[in-house]
Amino acid sequence: MEASRGSLQDSIRRAWEARATLHSEADRADPLQNSYRLFHGFHDGLRGLNIDRLGDTCLVSIKKPLTDHLPAIQEGIEACHDFERIVVRVQRPHNYNPRPLSVTALAGTLPDAPVEVRDNGLRYLMDVAAEANPGLFLDARPVRAWLLENSAGRRVLNLFAFTGSLGIAAAAGGAKSVTHVDSNPAALAVARQNHALNQLDIEDRDCLRGDLYYHLPRAAKSGRTFDGIILDPPPQRPRSKHRKPRGQDYPKLARLTTTLLAPGAWLLCFFHRYERTRHTYEEQVLSNAACELEVVWRGTSGEDFPEKDPDQKLRLTAFRRPGHE
């Protein structure tokens, strides 16, 4: 989609005005929320461009063929708000890969440390200059709110934990225990920092590095159960000796995780691959589960991630195993 300098600036202004409620909270002295999307690709006016607010930092993610638009983008942002810095992450034009081609400061300077952001009253670190994902998926804000309300007294297992934001929301919501599992030790190190930032206790045994396709069967064999399991597999998993990289392999993941559900426990699933509908994914979970399940909640991303097609938004479904909690 082509955009002239003036029309792109107008699109940024309209997108900014559409998020007035979020701005009002973020501009408070001690905000509960100051991290959210300011401009969302095609829906807001330019496919391949996303702009996020991260406290006093503005983060622009843009496909390489669109970089000629950066002067107009900067002017559009600065007309809306005086950010401390504007950081640009240039992404590959076609394939999905979170590693940017470059990270530069469009205004101000690159931070020499991760920036702290607020989400649902909790604090998280985001490394906007990192070569990988900065550390917090903003579209998951509604599910972090759900976890705050539905985790009290539960033993929660956070799979594909990344930097731990979902498990931290569960812990802040009163979870009895939270165990993070991820294959990336650097991400788990950030999870520990995020726990400390929120004054939440964490021990080494709460952050497990490993391949869950190997560890979940062992946990089931030992008789372990959980009262809540968060299942957030990325769109494409790397190859390992335990499975082929076929994306979100929900038939197998459903079998592995539901063997660990205690009566009354919930299983919270993220469905990222847009070539499949939510209904298709839910049927995969229900038909492959090792126990009876019922759907108890469906969610999606917030108003700052507008899409006309609901199957192009984040799809979240919570299932519950019947029984006493």
Protein backbone atom coordinates (compact mmCIF):
# COMPACT_ATOMS: atom_id res chain seq x y z
CA MET A 1 0.00 0.00 0.00
CA GLU A 2 1.53 3.33 -1.09
CA ALA A 3 1.22 6.39 1.12
CA SER A 4 2.13 10.01 0.46
CA ARG A 5 3.96 12.02 3.11
CA GLY A 6 0.85 13.97 4.07
CA SER A 7 -1.54 11.02 4.02
CA LEU A 8 0.81 8.92 6.18
CA GLN A 9 1.08 11.71 8.74
CA ASP A 10 -2.71 11.99 8.75
CA SER A 11 -2.98 8.21 9.28
CA ILE A 12 -0.61 8.38 12.26
CA ARG A 13 -2.62 11.27 13.73
CA ARG A 14 -5.91 9.37 13.34
CA ALA A 15 -4.41 6.24 14.89
CA TRP A 16 -3.13 8.33 17.81
CA GLU A 17 -6.54 9.91 18.36
CA ALA A 18 -8.22 6.49 18.31
CA ARG A 19 -6.16 5.48 21.36
CA ALA A 20 -7.01 8.49 23.50
CA THR A 21 -8.09 6.38 26.49
CA LEU A 22 -4.75 4.56 26.55
CA HIS A 23 -2.84 7.87 26.26
CA SER A 24 -4.77 9.30 29.19
CA GLU A 25 -3.62 6.45 31.44
CA ALA A 26 -0.04 6.40 30.10
CA ASP A 27 0.44 10.13 30.71
CA ARG A 28 -0.34 9.85 34.43
CA ALA A 29 2.54 10.26 36.89
CA ASP A 30 2.29 6.62 37.99
CA PRO A 31 0.47 4.80 35.17
CA LEU A 32 -0.90 1.27 35.32
CA GLN A 33 -0.45 1.00 31.53
CA ASN A 34 2.08 2.76 29.32
CA SER A 35 2.86 0.09 26.71
CA TYR A 36 0.57 -0.43 23.72
CA ARG A 37 0.38 -0.22 19.93
CA LEU A 38 0.04 3.25 18.41
CA PHE A 39 -0.22 2.28 14.73
CA HIS A 40 -1.22 -1.16 13.50
CA GLY A 41 -0.20 -1.88 9.93
CA PHE A 42 -2.75 -2.09 7.15
CA HIS A 43 -5.77 -1.25 9.32
CA ASP A 44 -4.26 2.08 10.41
CA GLY A 45 -2.92 3.02 6.99
CA LEU A 46 0.28 1.24 5.89
CA ARG A 47 0.91 -2.50 5.73
CA GLY A 48 4.39 -3.32 7.04
CA LEU A 49 4.48 -0.50 9.60
CA ASN A 50 3.83 -0.91 13.33
CA ILE A 51 4.46 1.76 15.96
CA ASP A 52 4.48 0.97 19.70
CA ARG A 53 4.53 3.15 22.78
CA LEU A 54 6.88 1.86 25.48
CA GLY A 55 6.71 4.51 28.17
CA ASP A 56 8.86 7.43 26.99
CA THR A 57 10.18 5.36 24.06
CA CYS A 58 8.49 5.05 20.66
CA LEU A 59 9.38 1.87 18.78
CA VAL A 60 8.89 1.76 15.02
CA SER A 61 8.95 -1.65 13.30
CA ILE A 62 9.05 -1.30 9.53
CA LYS A 63 9.66 -3.52 6.51
CA LYS A 64 12.83 -2.62 4.62
CA PRO A 65 11.09 -1.51 1.37
CA LEU A 66 9.18 1.14 3.35
CA THR A 67 12.17 2.89 4.94
CA ASP A 68 11.86 5.87 2.56
CA HIS A 69 8.79 6.76 4.64
CA LEU A 70 10.79 7.23 7.85
CA PRO A 71 11.07 11.06 7.67
CA ALA A 72 7.27 11.32 7.32
CA ILE A 73 6.79 8.76 10.11
CA GLN A 74 9.05 10.74 12.43
CA GLU A 75 7.18 13.97 11.71
CA GLY A 76 3.85 12.24 12.27
CA ILE A 77 4.94 10.80 15.62
CA GLU A 78 6.48 14.06 16.86
CA ALA A 79 3.31 15.95 15.96
CA CYS A 80 1.40 13.67 18.36
CA HIS A 81 3.78 13.34 21.32
CA ASP A 82 7.22 14.40 22.50
CA PHE A 83 8.95 11.05 23.10
CA GLU A 84 12.37 10.83 24.72
CA ARG A 85 13.49 8.67 21.79
CA ILE A 86 12.21 7.08 18.61
CA VAL A 87 13.83 3.71 17.81
CA VAL A 88 13.52 2.03 14.42
CA ARG A 89 13.76 -1.71 13.87
CA VAL A 90 14.01 -2.52 10.15
CA GLN A 91 12.52 -5.94 9.39
CA ARG A 92 12.99 -8.32 6.47
CA PRO A 93 10.50 -7.65 3.67
CA HIS A 94 8.90 -11.08 3.28
CA ASN A 95 9.64 -13.85 5.78
CA TYR A 96 8.68 -13.81 9.44
CA ASN A 97 11.81 -13.40 11.52
CA PRO A 98 11.89 -11.38 14.76
CA ARG A 99 15.56 -10.50 14.28
CA PRO A 100 15.76 -7.07 12.65
CA LEU A 101 18.11 -6.12 9.85
CA SER A 102 19.07 -3.03 11.86
CA VAL A 103 18.16 -1.09 15.00
CA THR A 104 18.81 2.66 15.01
CA ALA A 105 17.66 5.80 16.79
CA LEU A 106 15.50 8.02 14.59
CA ALA A 107 15.35 10.62 17.37
CA GLY A 108 17.27 10.73 20.64
CA THR A 109 19.74 7.93 21.34
CA LEU A 110 19.50 4.17 21.68
CA PRO A 111 19.12 3.21 25.35
CA ASP A 112 22.13 1.48 26.89
CA ALA A 113 19.86 -0.69 29.05
CA PRO A 114 16.37 -2.21 28.75
CA VAL A 115 13.50 0.23 29.25
CA GLU A 116 10.90 -0.42 31.92
CA VAL A 117 7.26 -0.48 30.89
CA ARG A 118 3.95 -0.93 32.71
CA ASP A 119 1.27 -3.45 31.77
CA ASN A 120 -1.85 -4.02 33.89
CA GLY A 121 0.02 -2.42 36.79
CA LEU A 122 3.00 -4.77 36.49
CA ARG A 123 6.54 -3.84 35.42
CA TYR A 124 8.49 -5.47 32.60
CA LEU A 125 11.83 -4.90 30.92
CA MET A 126 12.03 -4.42 27.15
CA ASP A 127 15.35 -4.32 25.31
CA VAL A 128 14.45 -2.23 22.26
CA ALA A 129 18.02 -2.42 20.93
CA ALA A 130 18.19 -6.21 21.11
CA GLU A 131 18.71 -8.36 18.03
CA ALA A 132 15.77 -10.53 19.09
CA ASN A 133 12.22 -9.68 20.20
CA PRO A 134 12.36 -6.80 22.73
CA GLY A 135 10.78 -8.94 25.43
CA LEU A 136 7.03 -8.29 25.72
CA PHE A 137 4.22 -9.08 23.29
CA LEU A 138 1.88 -6.10 23.58
CA ASP A 139 -1.08 -7.85 21.95
CA ALA A 140 -1.23 -10.25 24.91
CA ARG A 141 -2.27 -7.51 27.37
CA PRO A 142 -5.88 -8.86 27.70
CA VAL A 143 -4.68 -12.36 28.56
CA ARG A 144 -2.31 -11.00 31.21
CA ALA A 145 -5.38 -9.29 32.71
CA TRP A 146 -7.25 -12.63 32.59
CA LEU A 147 -4.39 -14.36 34.40
CA LEU A 148 -4.42 -11.72 37.13
CA GLU A 149 -8.08 -12.62 37.75
CA ASN A 150 -7.92 -16.42 37.38
CA SER A 151 -4.72 -17.66 39.04
CA ALA A 152 -5.30 -17.35 42.78
CA GLY A 153 -4.20 -20.44 44.69
CA ARG A 154 -3.15 -22.34 41.56
CA ARG A 155 0.04 -24.16 40.63
CA VAL A 156 0.74 -22.73 37.18
CA LEU A 157 3.00 -24.12 34.45
CA ASN A 158 4.10 -21.52 31.88
CA LEU A 159 5.27 -23.26 28.68
CA PHE A 160 7.26 -21.48 25.95
CA ALA A 161 7.66 -18.92 28.71
CA PHE A 162 10.01 -16.48 26.93
CA THR A 163 10.62 -13.59 29.40
CA GLY A 164 7.92 -14.81 31.77
CA SER A 165 5.28 -12.06 31.46
CA LEU A 166 2.32 -14.49 31.49
CA GLY A 167 3.61 -16.41 34.48
CA ILE A 168 4.39 -13.16 36.28
CA ALA A 169 0.80 -12.04 35.78
CA ALA A 170 -0.33 -15.37 37.26
CA ALA A 171 2.02 -14.93 40.22
CA ALA A 172 0.79 -11.38 40.81
CA GLY A 173 -2.75 -12.76 40.68
CA GLY A 174 -2.05 -15.01 43.66
CA ALA A 175 -0.79 -18.24 42.11
CA LYS A 176 0.55 -20.68 44.68
CA SER A 177 3.52 -21.40 42.40
CA VAL A 178 4.66 -20.63 38.85
CA THR A 179 7.09 -22.73 36.82
CA HIS A 180 8.52 -21.24 33.63
CA VAL A 181 9.83 -23.56 30.90
CA ASP A 182 11.74 -22.31 27.85
CA SER A 183 14.69 -23.38 25.73
CA ASN A 184 16.29 -19.90 25.79
CA PRO A 185 18.44 -19.24 28.88
CA ALA A 186 18.73 -15.52 28.10
CA ALA A 187 14.93 -15.17 28.09
CA LEU A 188 14.66 -17.02 31.40
CA ALA A 189 17.27 -14.66 32.88
CA VAL A 190 15.01 -11.73 31.95
CA ALA A 191 12.07 -13.60 33.53
CA ARG A 192 14.00 -13.64 36.81
CA GLN A 193 14.65 -9.89 36.49
CA ASN A 194 10.97 -9.25 35.81
CA HIS A 195 10.01 -11.21 38.93
CA ALA A 196 12.39 -9.08 41.00
CA LEU A 197 11.08 -5.90 39.39
CA ASN A 198 7.61 -6.80 40.68
CA GLN A 199 8.85 -8.01 44.08
CA LEU A 200 7.74 -11.55 43.33
CA ASP A 201 9.75 -14.46 44.73
CA ILE A 202 11.41 -16.87 42.33
CA GLU A 203 13.84 -19.77 42.76
CA ASP A 204 16.13 -21.51 40.29
CA ARG A 205 13.78 -24.50 40.12
CA ASP A 206 11.01 -22.14 38.93
CA CYS A 207 12.88 -21.43 35.66
CA LEU A 208 13.55 -24.61 33.71
CA ARG A 209 15.50 -24.65 30.47
CA GLY A 210 14.67 -27.50 28.16
CA ASP A 211 12.64 -29.08 25.40
CA LEU A 212 9.10 -29.60 26.68
CA TYR A 213 8.53 -32.42 24.18
CA TYR A 214 11.05 -34.30 26.32
CA HIS A 215 10.20 -32.99 29.78
CA LEU A 216 6.38 -33.12 29.75
CA PRO A 217 6.19 -36.92 29.34
CA ARG A 218 8.66 -37.29 32.21
CA ALA A 219 6.56 -34.98 34.40
CA ALA A 220 3.43 -37.00 33.60
CA LYS A 221 5.21 -40.27 34.37
CA SER A 222 6.23 -38.90 37.77
CA GLY A 223 2.60 -38.01 38.56
CA ARG A 224 2.96 -34.23 38.57
CA THR A 225 -0.16 -32.14 38.02
CA PHE A 226 -0.92 -28.43 37.70
CA ASP A 227 -3.98 -26.26 38.30
CA GLY A 228 -3.24 -24.04 35.29
CA ILE A 229 -1.11 -24.49 32.17
CA ILE A 230 -0.22 -21.67 29.79
CA LEU A 231 0.53 -22.92 26.28
CA ASP A 232 1.92 -20.22 23.98
CA PRO A 233 3.92 -21.92 21.21
CA PRO A 234 5.50 -19.61 18.61
CA PRO A 235 4.20 -19.70 15.03
CA GLN A 236 7.17 -21.79 13.91
CA ARG A 237 9.23 -24.01 16.18
CA PRO A 238 12.88 -24.75 15.37
CA ARG A 239 13.87 -28.30 14.55
CA SER A 240 14.96 -30.66 17.31
CA LYS A 241 15.49 -34.37 17.63
CA HIS A 242 12.10 -34.68 19.36
CA ARG A 243 9.93 -33.07 16.66
CA LYS A 244 9.88 -31.54 13.20
CA PRO A 245 9.29 -27.79 12.73
CA ARG A 246 5.61 -27.88 11.80
CA GLY A 247 4.48 -24.72 13.54
CA GLN A 248 1.88 -24.95 16.29
CA ASP A 249 1.50 -28.69 16.66
CA TYR A 250 -1.64 -28.57 18.79
CA PRO A 251 -2.72 -32.22 18.44
CA LYS A 252 0.50 -33.35 20.10
CA LEU A 253 0.75 -30.41 22.49
CA ALA A 254 -2.82 -31.05 23.66
CA ARG A 255 -2.02 -34.69 24.45
CA LEU A 256 1.15 -33.77 26.36
CA THR A 257 -0.29 -30.95 28.46
CA THR A 258 -3.69 -32.36 29.37
CA THR A 259 -2.12 -35.38 31.07
CA LEU A 260 -0.82 -32.86 33.64
CA LEU A 261 -4.14 -31.12 34.38
CA ALA A 262 -5.58 -31.60 37.85
CA PRO A 263 -9.40 -31.69 38.21
CA GLY A 264 -10.71 -28.15 37.91
CA ALA A 265 -7.54 -26.95 36.18
CA TRP A 266 -7.49 -24.68 33.14
CA LEU A 267 -5.43 -24.88 29.95
CA LEU A 268 -4.86 -21.48 28.32
CA CYS A 269 -3.96 -21.68 24.60
CA PHE A 270 -2.60 -19.13 22.14
CA PHE A 271 -3.43 -19.76 18.48
CA HIS A 272 -1.00 -17.84 16.25
CA ARG A 273 -1.11 -19.46 12.81
CA TYR A 274 -3.68 -17.48 10.83
CA GLU A 275 -4.21 -20.06 8.09
CA ARG A 276 -6.31 -21.99 10.63
CA THR A 277 -9.47 -20.68 12.31
CA ARG A 278 -10.02 -20.55 16.05
CA HIS A 279 -12.67 -23.28 15.66
CA THR A 280 -10.15 -25.57 13.94
CA TYR A 281 -7.61 -25.08 16.69
CA GLU A 282 -10.15 -25.63 19.46
CA GLU A 283 -11.30 -28.86 17.81
CA GLN A 284 -7.67 -30.04 17.67
CA VAL A 285 -7.34 -29.47 21.41
CA LEU A 286 -10.68 -31.02 22.36
CA SER A 287 -10.29 -34.11 20.16
CA ASN A 288 -6.70 -34.84 21.24
CA ALA A 289 -6.94 -34.07 24.95
CA ALA A 290 -6.24 -36.82 27.44
CA CYS A 291 -9.23 -35.72 29.56
CA GLU A 292 -12.58 -34.05 29.14
CA LEU A 293 -12.38 -30.29 28.54
CA GLU A 294 -14.83 -27.42 28.25
CA VAL A 295 -14.26 -23.93 26.89
CA VAL A 296 -14.56 -21.33 29.66
CA TRP A 297 -13.15 -18.16 28.04
CA ARG A 298 -12.29 -16.76 24.64
CA GLY A 299 -10.22 -13.62 24.21
CA THR A 300 -8.27 -11.61 21.69
CA SER A 301 -5.95 -8.62 21.49
CA GLY A 302 -7.07 -5.16 22.61
CA GLU A 303 -8.48 -2.14 20.82
CA ASP A 304 -4.98 -1.01 19.87
CA PHE A 305 -4.69 -4.03 17.51
CA PRO A 306 -7.65 -3.42 15.19
CA GLU A 307 -8.44 -5.98 12.47
CA LYS A 308 -11.58 -6.42 10.37
CA ASP A 309 -11.17 -10.20 10.29
CA PRO A 310 -11.28 -11.72 13.82
CA ASP A 311 -9.21 -14.67 12.62
CA GLN A 312 -6.36 -12.25 11.82
CA LYS A 313 -6.16 -11.18 15.46
CA LEU A 314 -4.61 -13.02 18.38
CA ARG A 315 -6.89 -15.91 19.38
CA LEU A 316 -6.94 -17.02 23.03
CA THR A 317 -9.00 -19.87 24.45
CA ALA A 318 -9.11 -21.19 28.01
CA PHE A 319 -10.30 -24.76 28.52
CA ARG A 320 -11.18 -26.28 31.90
CA ARG A 321 -11.06 -29.86 33.08
CA PRO A 322 -14.28 -30.54 35.03
CA GLY A 323 -13.92 -31.43 38.66
CA HIS A 324 -13.19 -29.90 42.06
CA GLU A 325 -10.42 -27.35 42.29
